[in-house]
């Protein structure tokens, strides 16, 4: 599984990147056949609350799953994205199992 992290208009710290890699690596427990995970970090309108946006794109055979969350911190938004993506992966797994 390849993990790609992009930060737009700012530089992500090593600590933040390590946190994101650790969290997204856990997605493989839900679905083994993940090809690529792309994480996009963006600061929406600086100096406001709820301004950290994280979008997560997971490429699996035959489909691409997408989640986007906005929160106060990138860590919190990443947690929300990973939880939401885990649910999507479970649904996708159920669908493929039924065919």
N, C-alpha and C. Protein backbone atom coordinates (compact mmCIF):
# COMPACT_ATOMS: atom_id res chain seq x y z
N UNK A 1 0.84 -1.18 0.00
CA UNK A 1 0.00 0.00 0.00
C UNK A 1 0.89 1.24 0.00
N UNK A 2 0.60 2.14 -0.93
CA UNK A 2 1.37 3.37 -1.06
C UNK A 2 0.60 4.51 -0.40
N UNK A 3 1.28 5.28 0.46
CA UNK A 3 0.64 6.41 1.12
C UNK A 3 1.30 7.70 0.63
N UNK A 4 0.47 8.61 0.11
CA UNK A 4 0.97 9.86 -0.43
C UNK A 4 0.31 11.01 0.33
N UNK A 5 1.11 11.89 0.92
CA UNK A 5 0.57 13.01 1.70
C UNK A 5 0.95 14.32 1.02
N UNK A 6 -0.06 15.14 0.75
CA UNK A 6 0.17 16.46 0.15
C UNK A 6 -0.40 17.52 1.07
N UNK A 7 0.40 18.58 1.29
CA UNK A 7 -0.11 19.70 2.08
C UNK A 7 -0.12 20.94 1.18
N UNK A 8 -1.25 21.58 1.12
CA UNK A 8 -1.42 22.73 0.24
C UNK A 8 -1.28 24.03 1.03
N UNK A 9 -0.40 24.92 0.56
CA UNK A 9 -0.14 26.24 1.13
C UNK A 9 0.50 26.22 2.53
N UNK A 10 1.07 25.09 2.91
CA UNK A 10 1.83 25.04 4.16
C UNK A 10 2.68 23.78 4.14
N UNK A 11 3.65 23.69 5.06
CA UNK A 11 4.49 22.49 5.16
C UNK A 11 4.05 21.66 6.35
N UNK A 12 3.71 20.41 6.09
CA UNK A 12 3.30 19.51 7.17
C UNK A 12 4.54 19.09 7.97
N UNK A 13 4.41 19.04 9.29
CA UNK A 13 5.53 18.64 10.13
C UNK A 13 5.75 17.13 10.03
N UNK A 14 6.94 16.69 10.41
CA UNK A 14 7.25 15.26 10.42
C UNK A 14 6.29 14.51 11.34
N UNK A 15 5.99 15.14 12.48
CA UNK A 15 5.11 14.53 13.48
C UNK A 15 3.71 14.30 12.89
N UNK A 16 3.19 15.31 12.16
CA UNK A 16 1.88 15.20 11.53
C UNK A 16 1.88 14.11 10.46
N UNK A 17 2.93 14.07 9.66
CA UNK A 17 3.03 13.06 8.61
C UNK A 17 3.09 11.65 9.20
N UNK A 18 3.86 11.49 10.28
CA UNK A 18 3.96 10.19 10.94
C UNK A 18 2.60 9.77 11.50
N UNK A 19 1.88 10.73 12.09
CA UNK A 19 0.55 10.45 12.64
C UNK A 19 -0.40 9.98 11.53
N UNK A 20 -0.39 10.68 10.41
CA UNK A 20 -1.28 10.34 9.29
C UNK A 20 -0.93 8.97 8.73
N UNK A 21 0.37 8.69 8.56
CA UNK A 21 0.79 7.39 8.03
C UNK A 21 0.36 6.26 8.96
N UNK A 22 0.51 6.48 10.27
CA UNK A 22 0.13 5.45 11.25
C UNK A 22 -1.38 5.18 11.18
N UNK A 23 -2.17 6.25 11.11
CA UNK A 23 -3.64 6.10 11.07
C UNK A 23 -4.10 5.43 9.77
N UNK A 24 -3.56 5.89 8.64
CA UNK A 24 -4.02 5.34 7.36
C UNK A 24 -3.54 3.91 7.16
N UNK A 25 -2.42 3.55 7.75
CA UNK A 25 -1.93 2.17 7.63
C UNK A 25 -2.92 1.19 8.26
N UNK A 26 -3.65 1.65 9.26
CA UNK A 26 -4.64 0.79 9.93
C UNK A 26 -5.83 0.45 9.04
N UNK A 27 -6.01 1.20 7.94
CA UNK A 27 -7.11 0.91 7.02
C UNK A 27 -6.94 -0.47 6.38
N UNK A 28 -5.69 -0.94 6.29
CA UNK A 28 -5.44 -2.24 5.68
C UNK A 28 -6.07 -3.38 6.47
N UNK A 29 -6.36 -3.14 7.74
CA UNK A 29 -7.04 -4.17 8.54
C UNK A 29 -8.48 -4.37 8.05
N UNK A 30 -9.09 -3.28 7.57
CA UNK A 30 -10.47 -3.36 7.09
C UNK A 30 -10.56 -3.97 5.70
N UNK A 31 -9.57 -3.67 4.87
CA UNK A 31 -9.58 -4.15 3.49
C UNK A 31 -8.13 -4.36 3.04
N UNK A 32 -7.77 -5.59 2.72
CA UNK A 32 -6.36 -5.92 2.48
C UNK A 32 -5.84 -5.42 1.14
N UNK A 33 -6.72 -5.26 0.16
CA UNK A 33 -6.29 -5.03 -1.22
C UNK A 33 -6.22 -3.55 -1.61
N UNK A 34 -5.85 -2.67 -0.67
CA UNK A 34 -5.75 -1.25 -0.96
C UNK A 34 -4.47 -0.99 -1.76
N UNK A 35 -4.62 -0.31 -2.90
CA UNK A 35 -3.46 -0.02 -3.75
C UNK A 35 -2.75 1.25 -3.31
N UNK A 36 -3.54 2.33 -3.14
CA UNK A 36 -2.94 3.63 -2.86
C UNK A 36 -3.86 4.46 -1.97
N UNK A 37 -3.23 5.22 -1.07
CA UNK A 37 -3.98 6.15 -0.21
C UNK A 37 -3.38 7.54 -0.43
N UNK A 38 -4.23 8.49 -0.81
CA UNK A 38 -3.77 9.87 -0.98
C UNK A 38 -4.44 10.74 0.08
N UNK A 39 -3.61 11.49 0.81
CA UNK A 39 -4.12 12.37 1.85
C UNK A 39 -3.81 13.80 1.45
N UNK A 40 -4.83 14.65 1.43
CA UNK A 40 -4.67 16.04 1.04
C UNK A 40 -4.99 16.91 2.24
N UNK A 41 -4.03 17.71 2.67
CA UNK A 41 -4.21 18.60 3.83
C UNK A 41 -4.32 20.03 3.32
N UNK A 42 -5.34 20.74 3.80
CA UNK A 42 -5.55 22.10 3.32
C UNK A 42 -6.05 22.97 4.46
N UNK A 43 -5.54 24.21 4.51
CA UNK A 43 -6.04 25.18 5.48
C UNK A 43 -7.04 26.07 4.75
N UNK A 44 -8.29 25.98 5.18
CA UNK A 44 -9.34 26.82 4.60
C UNK A 44 -9.33 28.12 5.39
N UNK A 45 -9.52 29.24 4.77
CA UNK A 45 -9.54 30.54 5.46
C UNK A 45 -8.79 30.54 6.79
N UNK A 46 -7.54 30.91 6.80
CA UNK A 46 -6.78 30.94 8.05
C UNK A 46 -7.44 31.82 9.11
N UNK A 47 -7.12 31.59 10.35
CA UNK A 47 -7.58 32.37 11.50
C UNK A 47 -9.07 32.23 11.79
N UNK A 48 -9.66 31.09 11.40
CA UNK A 48 -11.03 30.81 11.82
C UNK A 48 -11.05 29.42 12.44
N UNK A 49 -12.08 29.17 13.24
CA UNK A 49 -12.22 27.82 13.81
C UNK A 49 -12.68 26.88 12.71
N UNK A 50 -12.46 25.60 12.91
CA UNK A 50 -12.87 24.59 11.92
C UNK A 50 -12.28 24.91 10.54
N UNK A 51 -10.96 25.15 10.49
CA UNK A 51 -10.37 25.55 9.21
C UNK A 51 -9.37 24.54 8.65
N UNK A 52 -9.24 23.36 9.25
CA UNK A 52 -8.32 22.34 8.75
C UNK A 52 -9.12 21.29 7.99
N UNK A 53 -8.82 21.14 6.71
CA UNK A 53 -9.56 20.21 5.87
C UNK A 53 -8.65 19.05 5.45
N UNK A 54 -9.12 17.84 5.65
CA UNK A 54 -8.39 16.64 5.25
C UNK A 54 -9.26 15.86 4.29
N UNK A 55 -8.72 15.52 3.13
CA UNK A 55 -9.46 14.63 2.23
C UNK A 55 -8.63 13.38 2.00
N UNK A 56 -9.31 12.27 1.99
CA UNK A 56 -8.68 10.96 1.91
C UNK A 56 -9.24 10.24 0.69
N UNK A 57 -8.35 9.84 -0.22
CA UNK A 57 -8.75 9.11 -1.41
C UNK A 57 -8.08 7.75 -1.37
N UNK A 58 -8.88 6.70 -1.37
CA UNK A 58 -8.34 5.34 -1.30
C UNK A 58 -8.66 4.63 -2.62
N UNK A 59 -7.61 4.10 -3.26
CA UNK A 59 -7.79 3.38 -4.52
C UNK A 59 -7.77 1.89 -4.24
N UNK A 60 -8.88 1.24 -4.58
CA UNK A 60 -9.00 -0.22 -4.43
C UNK A 60 -9.32 -0.78 -5.82
N UNK A 61 -9.11 -2.08 -6.03
CA UNK A 61 -9.38 -2.62 -7.36
C UNK A 61 -10.83 -2.36 -7.80
N UNK A 62 -10.97 -1.67 -8.93
CA UNK A 62 -12.30 -1.43 -9.48
C UNK A 62 -13.02 -0.21 -8.94
N UNK A 63 -12.43 0.52 -8.01
CA UNK A 63 -13.13 1.66 -7.43
C UNK A 63 -12.17 2.62 -6.73
N UNK A 64 -12.66 3.84 -6.53
CA UNK A 64 -11.92 4.84 -5.75
C UNK A 64 -12.89 5.39 -4.71
N UNK A 65 -12.49 5.34 -3.45
CA UNK A 65 -13.34 5.82 -2.35
C UNK A 65 -12.80 7.16 -1.86
N UNK A 66 -13.70 8.08 -1.50
CA UNK A 66 -13.29 9.43 -1.12
C UNK A 66 -14.02 9.90 0.12
N UNK A 67 -13.26 10.57 1.02
CA UNK A 67 -13.84 11.14 2.24
C UNK A 67 -13.18 12.50 2.46
N UNK A 68 -13.97 13.47 2.92
CA UNK A 68 -13.42 14.79 3.23
C UNK A 68 -14.03 15.29 4.53
N UNK A 69 -13.19 15.74 5.45
CA UNK A 69 -13.67 16.23 6.74
C UNK A 69 -12.97 17.54 7.09
N UNK A 70 -13.68 18.40 7.82
CA UNK A 70 -13.13 19.67 8.28
C UNK A 70 -13.20 19.69 9.80
N UNK A 71 -12.12 20.15 10.43
CA UNK A 71 -12.08 20.16 11.89
C UNK A 71 -11.13 21.25 12.38
N UNK A 72 -10.95 21.33 13.73
CA UNK A 72 -10.05 22.32 14.31
C UNK A 72 -8.58 21.96 14.10
N UNK A 73 -8.27 20.65 14.12
CA UNK A 73 -6.88 20.21 13.95
C UNK A 73 -6.81 19.16 12.85
N UNK A 74 -5.64 19.02 12.26
CA UNK A 74 -5.46 18.02 11.22
C UNK A 74 -5.58 16.61 11.80
N UNK A 75 -5.12 16.44 13.05
CA UNK A 75 -5.21 15.12 13.68
C UNK A 75 -6.66 14.69 13.85
N UNK A 76 -7.48 15.61 14.33
CA UNK A 76 -8.90 15.31 14.55
C UNK A 76 -9.60 15.01 13.22
N UNK A 77 -9.31 15.82 12.20
CA UNK A 77 -9.90 15.61 10.89
C UNK A 77 -9.45 14.28 10.29
N UNK A 78 -8.18 13.93 10.51
CA UNK A 78 -7.66 12.65 10.02
C UNK A 78 -8.38 11.49 10.69
N UNK A 79 -8.57 11.59 12.00
CA UNK A 79 -9.31 10.54 12.73
C UNK A 79 -10.71 10.36 12.14
N UNK A 80 -11.40 11.48 11.91
CA UNK A 80 -12.75 11.41 11.36
C UNK A 80 -12.74 10.79 9.97
N UNK A 81 -11.77 11.17 9.16
CA UNK A 81 -11.65 10.62 7.80
C UNK A 81 -11.41 9.11 7.84
N UNK A 82 -10.49 8.68 8.69
CA UNK A 82 -10.14 7.26 8.76
C UNK A 82 -11.35 6.45 9.23
N UNK A 83 -12.08 6.96 10.22
CA UNK A 83 -13.27 6.26 10.71
C UNK A 83 -14.31 6.13 9.59
N UNK A 84 -14.54 7.23 8.89
CA UNK A 84 -15.51 7.23 7.81
C UNK A 84 -15.07 6.30 6.67
N UNK A 85 -13.78 6.32 6.36
CA UNK A 85 -13.26 5.47 5.28
C UNK A 85 -13.36 4.00 5.67
N UNK A 86 -13.14 3.70 6.95
CA UNK A 86 -13.25 2.31 7.41
C UNK A 86 -14.67 1.79 7.14
N UNK A 87 -15.67 2.62 7.40
CA UNK A 87 -17.06 2.24 7.14
C UNK A 87 -17.29 2.03 5.65
N UNK A 88 -16.74 2.92 4.82
CA UNK A 88 -16.89 2.76 3.37
C UNK A 88 -16.23 1.48 2.88
N UNK A 89 -15.05 1.18 3.42
CA UNK A 89 -14.33 -0.04 3.02
C UNK A 89 -15.12 -1.28 3.40
N UNK A 90 -15.76 -1.25 4.59
CA UNK A 90 -16.57 -2.39 5.02
C UNK A 90 -17.73 -2.61 4.05
N UNK A 91 -18.41 -1.51 3.65
CA UNK A 91 -19.51 -1.61 2.70
C UNK A 91 -19.02 -2.15 1.36
N UNK A 92 -17.89 -1.64 0.91
CA UNK A 92 -17.32 -2.06 -0.37
C UNK A 92 -16.97 -3.54 -0.33
N UNK A 93 -16.41 -3.97 0.80
CA UNK A 93 -16.04 -5.38 0.99
C UNK A 93 -17.28 -6.27 0.94
N UNK A 94 -18.35 -5.84 1.59
CA UNK A 94 -19.62 -6.59 1.58
C UNK A 94 -20.15 -6.71 0.15
N UNK A 95 -20.12 -5.61 -0.60
CA UNK A 95 -20.60 -5.64 -1.98
C UNK A 95 -19.80 -6.61 -2.82
N UNK A 96 -18.47 -6.56 -2.71
CA UNK A 96 -17.64 -7.46 -3.54
C UNK A 96 -17.80 -8.90 -3.11
N UNK A 97 -18.06 -9.14 -1.84
CA UNK A 97 -18.24 -10.51 -1.36
C UNK A 97 -19.53 -11.11 -1.90
N UNK A 98 -20.54 -10.25 -2.10
CA UNK A 98 -21.85 -10.72 -2.57
C UNK A 98 -21.88 -11.08 -4.06
N UNK A 99 -20.84 -10.68 -4.80
CA UNK A 99 -20.84 -10.99 -6.25
C UNK A 99 -20.22 -12.33 -6.52
